[in-house]
Structures are given as structure tokens and as C-alpha cells.
Amino acid sequence: MMKFKGNIFTLEISPPKGVKYEEILKDLKPYKDFFFFINTTDNQRANVRMSSLSMSILLKCSGFNPNMQITARDRNILAIQSDILGAYALGIRYFTAMTGDHPALGDHKNAFPVYEVDSLGILKILKNLKQGLLLNGKKIDTCLKDIVYGAVYNPYSGPKELQEKKLEKKINLGASFIQTQPVYSLKVANYTYKLIKKFGAYPILGILAINSKRMLEFIDELLPGALEEDLKKEFLKSSNIKETYFEYLRDFLKSFKGKNVGFHFMFFKDLDKLTKLLEEIF
């Protein structure tokens, strides 16, 4: 099992809106050994896609190391446990627990939201399975000792004190890594990674590329306050936002070189440019 140490890189991909996965694997193939693991999203933003379980297995069969995201929105406690057991039997060892966006935000607005448990409940399930127990305390035939699981954290969500207490609870339930929502402020990034380390987990800072004015608007809507006004103005006045963003990203990443912190790259289209930048810095 790989260790979380130094600067590591993880990647997030979306399963297809259908069944055609081949192009995704083809695009990822040159970077097979570059990323620590690859997150497969679980109907992100409450929109229907191929399951994270299926996409994780396809990645595994193609030589990648998948990290299966699993939300509480779409499953009761029977299905959550069943999916984790099935994933484990097929070679999946990394999992990320998430509560999941409400269906009202997605493409089936009248879908029933399950939420029998939240992300803390999924972490409790993973902790039990690691010890060979179901959530009800009954034994199963195998202790899933080698699973590694984590959770997510939004440094912009409030109330701040309650969110930080919930973060600590996640880590106390065995989350060995925490992937954050995208961070752009060095001040917020430094505070967040130190907070996660203080509670005893490995911090992985979320990185979401800005390549257009439309993307700026999306981030403002998704994470109010994440983009400082001065940084936003710098992007808006640029004649090439994508290039301006990569210059910003270079400086942002350099400030964490040598520290015990990872970076989680979400939906990056230009992986060649990204990986070359990472090789240049690290």
C-alpha cells in the first residue's frame, strides 16, 4: 500500500454520461504512473453518470490506482456496505466518503434523497469493515485491513467552528487523508493544510483550473469567497486566462514544495501541460 508522504498528486475524473469509457482511459494512459490515485466521482453534482464502482474497476483493470468516491445520497446502509465489499473483492483499496449534493441540484430533481447516514456514517462503515464487521456489529468472512479511506473538507463552508469539529470527527473515524474543495488563497491553503495535519490526517489541497470567465463565475457560485477580489481582477483583465492561471498555479505550488501536503487536480483537460509543470516544480 502506498504511503502518504511529501508532495503527492491525485486526479479527479468524471465517469461518462453513458457507457463509452474508452476515450477516458486513452486520455489517461500516458499518465498511468504519475498520479498517486485517481478519484472516480459518484454522480457528482447529483447528475447521473456511470457508477463510481464501475469506473473504478475499469481503471483498475487498465493498471491505474482508483480512489472510489461513495456518497450517502443514493444508497442506504445495505447498499453502501455491499458496494464497498464488491469493490474490495475486485481490487479497489482506496475510498473517499462523501455526503453528496442534494438531488434538487442535479438532473433528476424529484429523485428521492436517501441520506440514511452522512459522510460520518460511511466512515464508520469503512472503519467497521476494516475490522471485519458490518455496521450492525456482525462479523464478515474477511477483515478489510488494507483499505485506505479518506474524506473531504470545504474550508469555505460555515459555521467554521462546526465544520472544523466535523473534520476532526472524520479523522477520528479513521480518515487517513482529507481532500479539500478548491483553494486559491495561500492564506486559506496554509491554514487548512496545517489544520488537517494537526488533527492527524494527510492534507490534499483541491486544485480546480480556471480557463475562462465562465469558469470564474462558476467558482464564485460554487464556492462564494474562494476567489479573492485582487486575484479575480487579475484573471478578468488577462487576455489569456488559461496562461495567467498556470502562472498563478506555478507560484501557488512552489510555496508548498517540500511540505507534507498533496494536491488534488479536478477535471484538468490539459494533463500534458499540468504534468510538465509539476515535474518542473517538484
Foldseek 3Di string as FASTA:
>chain_A
DDDQFFAFEEEEDEAAQDPPRVVVCVVCVVCQPRHPAYEYDACAQLEDHPGLLVVCLVCVVVNHQYAYEDEQFPDDLVVLLVSVVVSVVSPHAHYEFANHDQNCRYDCNPDHGRCPDGSLVSLLQLLQQCVQAGPVGDGDPDRSVRHAYAYEAECQDDPNVVRLVVLLSRVVSPHQEYEYAAAQDLVSVVVVQVSNVVSPHAYAYEHEADFDVVVVVVCCVVRPPRDDPVNNVVLVPDPTNRVVRVVSVLVSVLVCHRPSHYYYYYPDPCVVVVSVSVVVRD
